């Protein structure tokens, strides 16, 4: 017969035998957890005074006491206040080592071009510190259709290269046809066009960062941003509503880890292209 207490009733640790071990996890920024009691799921936004604030995918926030009663991927955990970061060489949001006391370099003639303001804001938030050190300016186009006009007005060269980031660069798309035409044209040598496969740069923010399982599917024929706002239960009637939705999404981006790899690699490729020695 199995003796649950062991042969020595006075042995140390007999109370803990058979108990479920609960992991202790620091409540770091953007950690996604579930509240065991009521199923509320959200990302950590703040830890203060023995409490943790969680924000769900609809932007609703609630406070909970630190300690037990939380789940991560279905497993119970105890949340604790995160330790103060150790002193050492600081990293930028892109993961690069920060350059102390480095002034922004005079801008290079080369540029990185993106399709819209949201794209530019996202690139700035994650890679801004790196770009200022390198002297690279990010400019936005009001659509990739205007690229030919820009190249004609300010032709690229070995010293003025253009890296272009576009949305939805997939085979057979309008964007892919434009990229192929530019590559074959007279400016192809000094222009690098890359893109991610998503409909909009919003989708380059990972679902994990937003505290959701996945981005909603929007039916064809529906304005994508409007459909996203509607699916999340956010106001969606005006351009101001869309702008507020984007600012909420952007606020969840803190480091490169909050972005999809399909975007990360492409931006790094453009930075390398426009900062090659021949482009200086």
C-alpha atoms as a PDB file:
ATOM      1  CA  UNK A   1       0.000   0.000   0.000  1.00  0.00           C
ATOM      2  CA  UNK A   2       1.313   3.450  -0.885  1.00  0.00           C
ATOM      3  CA  UNK A   3       2.138   5.511   2.211  1.00  0.00           C
ATOM      4  CA  UNK A   4       1.430   9.127   1.344  1.00  0.00           C
ATOM      5  CA  UNK A   5       3.440  10.335   4.356  1.00  0.00           C
ATOM      6  CA  UNK A   6       6.523   8.189   3.743  1.00  0.00           C
ATOM      7  CA  UNK A   7       8.270   6.112   6.326  1.00  0.00           C
ATOM      8  CA  UNK A   8       9.323   9.099   8.435  1.00  0.00           C
ATOM      9  CA  UNK A   9       6.409  11.283   9.536  1.00  0.00           C
ATOM     10  CA  UNK A  10       8.841  13.892  10.811  1.00  0.00           C
ATOM     11  CA  UNK A  11      10.811  14.160   7.532  1.00  0.00           C
ATOM     12  CA  UNK A  12      11.083  17.695   6.142  1.00  0.00           C
ATOM     13  CA  UNK A  13       8.762  18.613   3.271  1.00  0.00           C
ATOM     14  CA  UNK A  14       6.004  16.086   3.946  1.00  0.00           C
ATOM     15  CA  UNK A  15       3.366  18.812   3.636  1.00  0.00           C
ATOM     16  CA  UNK A  16       4.505  19.678   0.095  1.00  0.00           C
ATOM     17  CA  UNK A  17       4.452  16.127  -1.240  1.00  0.00           C
ATOM     18  CA  UNK A  18       1.849  15.817  -3.986  1.00  0.00           C
ATOM     19  CA  UNK A  19       1.111  19.564  -4.053  1.00  0.00           C
ATOM     20  CA  UNK A  20       0.920  21.260  -7.449  1.00  0.00           C
ATOM     21  CA  UNK A  21       3.969  23.431  -7.999  1.00  0.00           C
ATOM     22  CA  UNK A  22       3.017  26.910  -9.214  1.00  0.00           C
ATOM     23  CA  UNK A  23       5.595  28.860 -11.193  1.00  0.00           C
ATOM     24  CA  UNK A  24       6.485  32.391 -10.133  1.00  0.00           C
ATOM     25  CA  UNK A  25       6.532  34.801 -13.072  1.00  0.00           C
ATOM     26  CA  UNK A  26       7.510  38.517 -13.066  1.00  0.00           C
ATOM     27  CA  UNK A  27       4.643  40.712 -14.307  1.00  0.00           C
ATOM     28  CA  UNK A  28       6.629  42.312 -17.092  1.00  0.00           C
ATOM     29  CA  UNK A  29       5.185  44.829 -19.548  1.00  0.00           C
ATOM     30  CA  UNK A  30       2.891  43.206 -22.187  1.00  0.00           C
ATOM     31  CA  UNK A  31       2.919  39.755 -20.580  1.00  0.00           C
ATOM     32  CA  UNK A  32      -0.454  38.192 -21.467  1.00  0.00           C
ATOM     33  CA  UNK A  33      -2.197  36.358 -18.613  1.00  0.00           C
ATOM     34  CA  UNK A  34      -5.656  35.047 -17.765  1.00  0.00           C
ATOM     35  CA  UNK A  35      -7.449  35.524 -14.455  1.00  0.00           C
ATOM     36  CA  UNK A  36      -8.416  32.081 -13.198  1.00  0.00           C
ATOM     37  CA  UNK A  37     -11.577  33.186 -11.371  1.00  0.00           C
ATOM     38  CA  UNK A  38     -13.454  34.920 -14.181  1.00  0.00           C
ATOM     39  CA  UNK A  39     -11.471  34.274 -17.384  1.00  0.00           C
ATOM     40  CA  UNK A  40     -10.494  37.926 -17.963  1.00  0.00           C
ATOM     41  CA  UNK A  41      -7.487  37.896 -20.290  1.00  0.00           C
ATOM     42  CA  UNK A  42      -5.182  40.822 -20.878  1.00  0.00           C
ATOM     43  CA  UNK A  43      -1.671  42.174 -21.183  1.00  0.00           C
ATOM     44  CA  UNK A  44       0.223  43.690 -18.263  1.00  0.00           C
ATOM     45  CA  UNK A  45       0.312  47.473 -18.598  1.00  0.00           C
ATOM     46  CA  UNK A  46       1.371  48.564 -15.103  1.00  0.00           C
ATOM     47  CA  UNK A  47       2.540  47.159 -11.758  1.00  0.00           C
ATOM     48  CA  UNK A  48       2.199  49.435  -8.766  1.00  0.00           C
ATOM     49  CA  UNK A  49       1.482  49.174  -5.048  1.00  0.00           C
ATOM     50  CA  UNK A  50       1.064  45.409  -4.994  1.00  0.00           C
ATOM     51  CA  UNK A  51      -1.367  45.370  -7.914  1.00  0.00           C
ATOM     52  CA  UNK A  52      -1.112  44.571 -11.591  1.00  0.00           C
ATOM     53  CA  UNK A  53      -3.157  46.298 -14.294  1.00  0.00           C
ATOM     54  CA  UNK A  54      -4.321  44.178 -17.236  1.00  0.00           C
ATOM     55  CA  UNK A  55      -5.718  45.502 -20.519  1.00  0.00           C
ATOM     56  CA  UNK A  56      -7.751  43.244 -22.786  1.00  0.00           C
ATOM     57  CA  UNK A  57      -8.018  43.389 -26.594  1.00  0.00           C
ATOM     58  CA  UNK A  58     -10.944  45.814 -26.375  1.00  0.00           C
ATOM     59  CA  UNK A  59      -8.899  48.317 -24.370  1.00  0.00           C
ATOM     60  CA  UNK A  60     -10.665  47.599 -21.054  1.00  0.00           C
ATOM     61  CA  UNK A  61      -8.403  47.704 -17.982  1.00  0.00           C
ATOM     62  CA  UNK A  62      -8.772  46.036 -14.572  1.00  0.00           C
ATOM     63  CA  UNK A  63      -6.608  45.903 -11.443  1.00  0.00           C
ATOM     64  CA  UNK A  64      -5.754  42.675  -9.627  1.00  0.00           C
ATOM     65  CA  UNK A  65      -3.559  41.938  -6.601  1.00  0.00           C
ATOM     66  CA  UNK A  66      -0.212  40.367  -7.359  1.00  0.00           C
ATOM     67  CA  UNK A  67       0.181  36.740  -6.355  1.00  0.00           C
ATOM     68  CA  UNK A  68      -1.698  33.595  -7.313  1.00  0.00           C
ATOM     69  CA  UNK A  69      -4.858  33.170  -9.311  1.00  0.00           C
ATOM     70  CA  UNK A  70      -3.435  33.718 -12.804  1.00  0.00           C
ATOM     71  CA  UNK A  71      -2.932  31.437 -15.782  1.00  0.00           C
ATOM     72  CA  UNK A  72      -0.427  31.513 -18.634  1.00  0.00           C
ATOM     73  CA  UNK A  73      -1.289  29.155 -21.486  1.00  0.00           C
ATOM     74  CA  UNK A  74      -3.661  27.367 -19.117  1.00  0.00           C
ATOM     75  CA  UNK A  75      -1.075  26.749 -16.392  1.00  0.00           C
ATOM     76  CA  UNK A  76      -1.358  28.405 -12.943  1.00  0.00           C
ATOM     77  CA  UNK A  77       1.260  31.007 -12.045  1.00  0.00           C
ATOM     78  CA  UNK A  78       2.010  33.517  -9.314  1.00  0.00           C
ATOM     79  CA  UNK A  79       2.694  37.038 -10.553  1.00  0.00           C
ATOM     80  CA  UNK A  80       5.367  39.083  -8.808  1.00  0.00           C
ATOM     81  CA  UNK A  81       6.619  42.612  -9.297  1.00  0.00           C
ATOM     82  CA  UNK A  82       9.424  42.641 -11.893  1.00  0.00           C
ATOM     83  CA  UNK A  83      12.920  43.303 -10.640  1.00  0.00           C
ATOM     84  CA  UNK A  84      14.579  46.579 -11.574  1.00  0.00           C
ATOM     85  CA  UNK A  85      16.620  46.181 -14.747  1.00  0.00           C
ATOM     86  CA  UNK A  86      20.283  45.505 -14.143  1.00  0.00           C
ATOM     87  CA  UNK A  87      22.641  48.236 -15.156  1.00  0.00           C
ATOM     88  CA  UNK A  88      24.512  47.476 -18.343  1.00  0.00           C
ATOM     89  CA  UNK A  89      24.653  48.441 -21.965  1.00  0.00           C
ATOM     90  CA  UNK A  90      21.179  49.571 -22.985  1.00  0.00           C
ATOM     91  CA  UNK A  91      19.491  48.292 -26.102  1.00  0.00           C
ATOM     92  CA  UNK A  92      17.238  50.174 -28.481  1.00  0.00           C
ATOM     93  CA  UNK A  93      13.721  49.022 -29.354  1.00  0.00           C
ATOM     94  CA  UNK A  94      15.160  47.243 -32.402  1.00  0.00           C
ATOM     95  CA  UNK A  95      17.498  45.176 -30.224  1.00  0.00           C
ATOM     96  CA  UNK A  96      20.670  47.075 -31.172  1.00  0.00           C
ATOM     97  CA  UNK A  97      23.062  48.336 -28.515  1.00  0.00           C
ATOM     98  CA  UNK A  98      22.316  51.979 -27.773  1.00  0.00           C
ATOM     99  CA  UNK A  99      25.071  54.455 -28.558  1.00  0.00           C
ATOM    100  CA  UNK A 100      25.610  56.692 -25.537  1.00  0.00           C
ATOM    101  CA  UNK A 101      25.745  60.453 -26.077  1.00  0.00           C
ATOM    102  CA  UNK A 102      25.523  59.996 -29.846  1.00  0.00           C
ATOM    103  CA  UNK A 103      24.121  62.942 -31.749  1.00  0.00           C
ATOM    104  CA  UNK A 104      22.043  62.296 -34.839  1.00  0.00           C
ATOM    105  CA  UNK A 105      24.204  62.151 -37.941  1.00  0.00           C
ATOM    106  CA  UNK A 106      23.640  64.583 -40.788  1.00  0.00           C
ATOM    107  CA  UNK A 107      21.056  62.962 -43.026  1.00  0.00           C
ATOM    108  CA  UNK A 108      22.308  60.835 -45.896  1.00  0.00           C
ATOM    109  CA  UNK A 109      21.018  61.529 -49.405  1.00  0.00           C
ATOM    110  CA  UNK A 110      19.545  58.005 -49.372  1.00  0.00           C
ATOM    111  CA  UNK A 111      16.040  57.492 -48.030  1.00  0.00           C
ATOM    112  CA  UNK A 112      13.670  54.804 -46.819  1.00  0.00           C
ATOM    113  CA  UNK A 113      10.201  55.296 -48.288  1.00  0.00           C
ATOM    114  CA  UNK A 114       7.048  53.825 -46.774  1.00  0.00           C
ATOM    115  CA  UNK A 115       3.469  53.835 -48.006  1.00  0.00           C
ATOM    116  CA  UNK A 116       1.758  55.793 -45.247  1.00  0.00           C
ATOM    117  CA  UNK A 117       1.958  57.614 -41.951  1.00  0.00           C
ATOM    118  CA  UNK A 118       1.203  54.530 -39.897  1.00  0.00           C
ATOM    119  CA  UNK A 119       4.083  52.666 -41.537  1.00  0.00           C
ATOM    120  CA  UNK A 120       6.402  55.596 -40.843  1.00  0.00           C
ATOM    121  CA  UNK A 121       5.316  55.849 -37.205  1.00  0.00           C
ATOM    122  CA  UNK A 122       5.876  52.139 -36.635  1.00  0.00           C
ATOM    123  CA  UNK A 123       9.338  52.204 -38.210  1.00  0.00           C
ATOM    124  CA  UNK A 124      10.225  55.292 -36.182  1.00  0.00           C
ATOM    125  CA  UNK A 125       9.100  53.737 -32.906  1.00  0.00           C
ATOM    126  CA  UNK A 126      11.188  50.577 -33.292  1.00  0.00           C
ATOM    127  CA  UNK A 127      14.130  51.694 -35.445  1.00  0.00           C
ATOM    128  CA  UNK A 128      14.175  55.460 -34.832  1.00  0.00           C
ATOM    129  CA  UNK A 129      17.263  55.488 -32.590  1.00  0.00           C
ATOM    130  CA  UNK A 130      19.218  53.351 -35.078  1.00  0.00           C
ATOM    131  CA  UNK A 131      18.168  55.474 -38.045  1.00  0.00           C
ATOM    132  CA  UNK A 132      19.238  58.726 -36.372  1.00  0.00           C
ATOM    133  CA  UNK A 133      22.669  57.275 -35.618  1.00  0.00           C
ATOM    134  CA  UNK A 134      22.990  56.192 -39.267  1.00  0.00           C
ATOM    135  CA  UNK A 135      21.583  59.439 -40.641  1.00  0.00           C
ATOM    136  CA  UNK A 136      18.704  57.756 -42.482  1.00  0.00           C
ATOM    137  CA  UNK A 137      15.455  59.635 -43.039  1.00  0.00           C
ATOM    138  CA  UNK A 138      12.120  57.836 -43.420  1.00  0.00           C
ATOM    139  CA  UNK A 139       9.635  59.493 -45.770  1.00  0.00           C
ATOM    140  CA  UNK A 140       6.140  58.345 -46.646  1.00  0.00           C
ATOM    141  CA  UNK A 141       4.423  58.027 -49.986  1.00  0.00           C
ATOM    142  CA  UNK A 142       0.698  58.458 -50.332  1.00  0.00           C
ATOM    143  CA  UNK A 143       0.617  55.153 -52.167  1.00  0.00           C
ATOM    144  CA  UNK A 144       3.192  53.109 -54.053  1.00  0.00           C
ATOM    145  CA  UNK A 145       1.577  54.281 -57.305  1.00  0.00           C
ATOM    146  CA  UNK A 146       3.414  57.594 -56.828  1.00  0.00           C
ATOM    147  CA  UNK A 147       6.859  56.000 -56.758  1.00  0.00           C
ATOM    148  CA  UNK A 148       7.548  56.500 -60.482  1.00  0.00           C
ATOM    149  CA  UNK A 149       6.807  60.217 -60.134  1.00  0.00           C
ATOM    150  CA  UNK A 150       9.221  60.541 -57.213  1.00  0.00           C
ATOM    151  CA  UNK A 151      11.988  58.630 -58.993  1.00  0.00           C
ATOM    152  CA  UNK A 152      11.609  60.863 -62.044  1.00  0.00           C
ATOM    153  CA  UNK A 153      11.748  64.048 -59.947  1.00  0.00           C
ATOM    154  CA  UNK A 154      14.712  62.926 -57.783  1.00  0.00           C
ATOM    155  CA  UNK A 155      16.493  60.092 -59.608  1.00  0.00           C
ATOM    156  CA  UNK A 156      18.401  57.635 -57.421  1.00  0.00           C
ATOM    157  CA  UNK A 157      22.112  57.017 -57.806  1.00  0.00           C
ATOM    158  CA  UNK A 158      24.951  55.201 -56.078  1.00  0.00           C
ATOM    159  CA  UNK A 159      24.938  57.981 -53.476  1.00  0.00           C
ATOM    160  CA  UNK A 160      21.162  58.484 -53.319  1.00  0.00           C
ATOM    161  CA  UNK A 161      19.576  55.089 -52.852  1.00  0.00           C
ATOM    162  CA  UNK A 162      15.941  54.439 -52.105  1.00  0.00           C
ATOM    163  CA  UNK A 163      14.708  51.604 -49.963  1.00  0.00           C
ATOM    164  CA  UNK A 164      10.946  51.160 -50.357  1.00  0.00           C
ATOM    165  CA  UNK A 165       8.716  49.276 -47.914  1.00  0.00           C
ATOM    166  CA  UNK A 166       5.256  48.320 -49.197  1.00  0.00           C
ATOM    167  CA  UNK A 167       2.248  46.517 -47.777  1.00  0.00           C
ATOM    168  CA  UNK A 168       0.845  43.284 -49.227  1.00  0.00           C
ATOM    169  CA  UNK A 169       3.813  42.432 -51.442  1.00  0.00           C
ATOM    170  CA  UNK A 170       2.634  39.019 -52.606  1.00  0.00           C
ATOM    171  CA  UNK A 171       2.777  37.347 -56.044  1.00  0.00           C
ATOM    172  CA  UNK A 172       0.230  38.743 -58.475  1.00  0.00           C
ATOM    173  CA  UNK A 173      -0.559  41.876 -56.450  1.00  0.00           C
ATOM    174  CA  UNK A 174      -0.404  45.410 -57.794  1.00  0.00           C
ATOM    175  CA  UNK A 175       2.530  46.045 -55.478  1.00  0.00           C
ATOM    176  CA  UNK A 176       4.508  43.110 -56.857  1.00  0.00           C
ATOM    177  CA  UNK A 177       3.945  44.275 -60.443  1.00  0.00           C
ATOM    178  CA  UNK A 178       5.214  47.762 -59.582  1.00  0.00           C
ATOM    179  CA  UNK A 179       8.258  46.295 -57.809  1.00  0.00           C
ATOM    180  CA  UNK A 180       9.079  44.133 -60.824  1.00  0.00           C
ATOM    181  CA  UNK A 181       8.747  47.099 -63.185  1.00  0.00           C
ATOM    182  CA  UNK A 182      11.053  49.251 -61.049  1.00  0.00           C
ATOM    183  CA  UNK A 183      13.639  46.456 -60.822  1.00  0.00           C
ATOM    184  CA  UNK A 184      13.676  46.173 -64.634  1.00  0.00           C
ATOM    185  CA  UNK A 185      13.724  49.929 -65.190  1.00  0.00           C
ATOM    186  CA  UNK A 186      16.603  52.422 -65.362  1.00  0.00           C
ATOM    187  CA  UNK A 187      16.596  52.985 -61.577  1.00  0.00           C
ATOM    188  CA  UNK A 188      16.481  49.338 -60.523  1.00  0.00           C
ATOM    189  CA  UNK A 189      20.115  49.162 -59.453  1.00  0.00           C
ATOM    190  CA  UNK A 190      19.703  51.888 -56.859  1.00  0.00           C
ATOM    191  CA  UNK A 191      16.203  51.063 -55.604  1.00  0.00           C
ATOM    192  CA  UNK A 192      15.363  48.157 -53.292  1.00  0.00           C
ATOM    193  CA  UNK A 193      11.653  47.373 -52.920  1.00  0.00           C
ATOM    194  CA  UNK A 194      10.612  44.931 -50.217  1.00  0.00           C
ATOM    195  CA  UNK A 195       7.380  44.277 -48.405  1.00  0.00           C
ATOM    196  CA  UNK A 196       5.429  42.154 -45.975  1.00  0.00           C
ATOM    197  CA  UNK A 197       2.513  39.864 -46.893  1.00  0.00           C
ATOM    198  CA  UNK A 198      -0.119  41.545 -44.722  1.00  0.00           C
ATOM    199  CA  UNK A 199      -3.005  43.667 -46.003  1.00  0.00           C
ATOM    200  CA  UNK A 200      -1.954  46.575 -43.793  1.00  0.00           C
ATOM    201  CA  UNK A 201       0.947  47.457 -41.521  1.00  0.00           C
ATOM    202  CA  UNK A 202      -1.425  47.138 -38.538  1.00  0.00           C
ATOM    203  CA  UNK A 203      -1.153  43.370 -38.946  1.00  0.00           C
ATOM    204  CA  UNK A 204       2.620  43.544 -38.498  1.00  0.00           C
ATOM    205  CA  UNK A 205       1.921  43.974 -34.773  1.00  0.00           C
ATOM    206  CA  UNK A 206       1.734  40.487 -33.295  1.00  0.00           C
ATOM    207  CA  UNK A 207      -1.544  39.246 -31.804  1.00  0.00           C
ATOM    208  CA  UNK A 208       0.395  38.475 -28.614  1.00  0.00           C
ATOM    209  CA  UNK A 209       1.303  42.136 -28.189  1.00  0.00           C
ATOM    210  CA  UNK A 210      -2.387  43.053 -28.461  1.00  0.00           C
ATOM    211  CA  UNK A 211      -3.561  40.267 -26.185  1.00  0.00           C
ATOM    212  CA  UNK A 212      -5.647  38.570 -28.884  1.00  0.00           C
ATOM    213  CA  UNK A 213      -5.571  35.095 -30.411  1.00  0.00           C
ATOM    214  CA  UNK A 214      -5.376  36.344 -34.000  1.00  0.00           C
ATOM    215  CA  UNK A 215      -6.304  39.252 -36.239  1.00  0.00           C
ATOM    216  CA  UNK A 216      -9.940  39.109 -37.427  1.00  0.00           C
ATOM    217  CA  UNK A 217     -10.720  38.057 -41.000  1.00  0.00           C
ATOM    218  CA  UNK A 218     -12.261  40.979 -42.911  1.00  0.00           C
ATOM    219  CA  UNK A 219     -14.527  40.126 -45.889  1.00  0.00           C
ATOM    220  CA  UNK A 220     -13.562  41.345 -49.340  1.00  0.00           C
ATOM    221  CA  UNK A 221     -15.264  44.596 -50.242  1.00  0.00           C
ATOM    222  CA  UNK A 222     -15.056  45.955 -46.698  1.00  0.00           C
ATOM    223  CA  UNK A 223     -12.571  48.683 -45.878  1.00  0.00           C
ATOM    224  CA  UNK A 224      -9.976  46.736 -43.907  1.00  0.00           C
ATOM    225  CA  UNK A 225      -9.323  49.247 -41.122  1.00  0.00           C
ATOM    226  CA  UNK A 226     -13.049  49.899 -40.689  1.00  0.00           C
ATOM    227  CA  UNK A 227     -13.659  46.172 -40.513  1.00  0.00           C
ATOM    228  CA  UNK A 228     -10.957  45.712 -37.888  1.00  0.00           C
ATOM    229  CA  UNK A 229     -12.373  48.484 -35.702  1.00  0.00           C
ATOM    230  CA  UNK A 230     -15.867  47.026 -36.028  1.00  0.00           C
ATOM    231  CA  UNK A 231     -14.638  43.519 -35.170  1.00  0.00           C
ATOM    232  CA  UNK A 232     -12.933  44.825 -32.024  1.00  0.00           C
ATOM    233  CA  UNK A 233     -15.977  46.851 -31.011  1.00  0.00           C
ATOM    234  CA  UNK A 234     -14.146  50.165 -31.453  1.00  0.00           C
ATOM    235  CA  UNK A 235     -15.655  53.349 -32.938  1.00  0.00           C
ATOM    236  CA  UNK A 236     -15.224  53.242 -36.713  1.00  0.00           C
ATOM    237  CA  UNK A 237     -17.339  55.972 -38.267  1.00  0.00           C
ATOM    238  CA  UNK A 238     -14.708  58.643 -38.901  1.00  0.00           C
ATOM    239  CA  UNK A 239     -11.061  59.044 -39.814  1.00  0.00           C
ATOM    240  CA  UNK A 240     -10.458  60.219 -36.242  1.00  0.00           C
ATOM    241  CA  UNK A 241     -11.811  56.872 -35.003  1.00  0.00           C
ATOM    242  CA  UNK A 242      -9.316  55.053 -37.218  1.00  0.00           C
ATOM    243  CA  UNK A 243      -6.496  57.287 -35.997  1.00  0.00           C
ATOM    244  CA  UNK A 244      -7.340  56.529 -32.364  1.00  0.00           C
ATOM    245  CA  UNK A 245      -7.470  52.812 -33.120  1.00  0.00           C
ATOM    246  CA  UNK A 246      -3.996  52.960 -34.641  1.00  0.00           C
ATOM    247  CA  UNK A 247      -2.588  54.898 -31.697  1.00  0.00           C
ATOM    248  CA  UNK A 248      -3.948  52.221 -29.376  1.00  0.00           C
ATOM    249  CA  UNK A 249      -2.308  49.495 -31.478  1.00  0.00           C
ATOM    250  CA  UNK A 250       0.962  51.430 -31.711  1.00  0.00           C
ATOM    251  CA  UNK A 251       1.004  51.886 -27.926  1.00  0.00           C
ATOM    252  CA  UNK A 252       1.350  48.101 -27.580  1.00  0.00           C
ATOM    253  CA  UNK A 253       4.608  48.083 -29.541  1.00  0.00           C
ATOM    254  CA  UNK A 254       7.634  48.458 -27.279  1.00  0.00           C
ATOM    255  CA  UNK A 255      10.367  46.417 -28.958  1.00  0.00           C
ATOM    256  CA  UNK A 256      11.018  44.429 -32.112  1.00  0.00           C
ATOM    257  CA  UNK A 257       9.574  41.392 -30.317  1.00  0.00           C
ATOM    258  CA  UNK A 258       6.116  42.926 -30.748  1.00  0.00           C
ATOM    259  CA  UNK A 259       6.410  42.812 -34.548  1.00  0.00           C
ATOM    260  CA  UNK A 260       6.103  39.973 -37.036  1.00  0.00           C
ATOM    261  CA  UNK A 261       9.381  38.575 -38.430  1.00  0.00           C
ATOM    262  CA  UNK A 262       8.065  39.223 -41.947  1.00  0.00           C
ATOM    263  CA  UNK A 263       8.440  42.958 -41.264  1.00  0.00           C
ATOM    264  CA  UNK A 264      11.580  42.856 -39.124  1.00  0.00           C
ATOM    265  CA  UNK A 265      13.772  41.284 -41.769  1.00  0.00           C
ATOM    266  CA  UNK A 266      12.569  43.600 -44.503  1.00  0.00           C
ATOM    267  CA  UNK A 267      13.255  46.810 -42.566  1.00  0.00           C
ATOM    268  CA  UNK A 268      16.729  45.601 -41.582  1.00  0.00           C
ATOM    269  CA  UNK A 269      17.383  44.795 -45.251  1.00  0.00           C
ATOM    270  CA  UNK A 270      16.460  48.336 -46.289  1.00  0.00           C
ATOM    271  CA  UNK A 271      18.634  49.910 -43.594  1.00  0.00           C
ATOM    272  CA  UNK A 272      21.595  47.836 -44.789  1.00  0.00           C
ATOM    273  CA  UNK A 273      20.906  48.781 -48.412  1.00  0.00           C
ATOM    274  CA  UNK A 274      20.765  52.548 -47.901  1.00  0.00           C
ATOM    275  CA  UNK A 275      23.769  52.628 -45.543  1.00  0.00           C
ATOM    276  CA  UNK A 276      26.201  50.595 -47.651  1.00  0.00           C
ATOM    277  CA  UNK A 277      29.508  52.507 -47.999  1.00  0.00           C
ATOM    278  CA  UNK A 278      28.903  53.214 -51.687  1.00  0.00           C
ATOM    279  CA  UNK A 279      25.686  54.999 -50.727  1.00  0.00           C
ATOM    280  CA  UNK A 280      27.448  57.458 -48.425  1.00  0.00           C
END
